Amino acid sequence: MTNPPNGAVIRYYLAEEPESELEVTLTFTDASGDEVRSFSRNPENEDDPSLPAQAGMNQFVWDLTYPSLTVPEGKMNYMGYIGGPVVVPGEYLVTLTVGDWSSSEPLIVRQDPRLPHVTTAQLAELQELSFQVQDRISEAYHALETIASVRDQAKALAENAKEGGFG
């Protein structure tokens, strides 16, 4: 026996398999209309799951998170978890797009019943803190890239000076 999927299970029917050049996406937006997450059958980020697009019934499980932190190539992930912040309970909209055709349905994310003592306001605070932490980690990775670039430039300058008789 396996555990049930963790997240929102989205099922959709495609009468036929879309042609390979047609873009197929599943987009989640919040109550304000802001995009939370989008998935494609040909994801740009290799860590994102591929959206199934076969003829017949398809199923996709959204883990209820915003996009994850991108760790620059060659850099170590010191935090362990790089997944995005978790959405707060509320109303969302799911839009399936196949080429020029699209269809939207509402999605209600409910609070985890195992946490009755936690309020939606507290979850929203936690989400905001998660965004802030993600931003700071991203800034740290950017600083590391800048330091590496400056170091490489200094090395190149020192080599050029040495070759020119100044070292």
Foldseek 3Di string as FASTA:
>chain_A
DDDDDAADKDKDADQAFADPVKWKKKWKFAPVRHTQDMATLDDPDPVDDHFDGGHTMGIDGDNQFGQFADQDPPDDDPVPDGGHFHDFFDKMKIWIDTHPDIDIDIDTRDDDPVCPVDDSVNSVVVNVVRVVVSVVVNVVSVVVVVVVVVVVVVVVVVVVCVVVVND
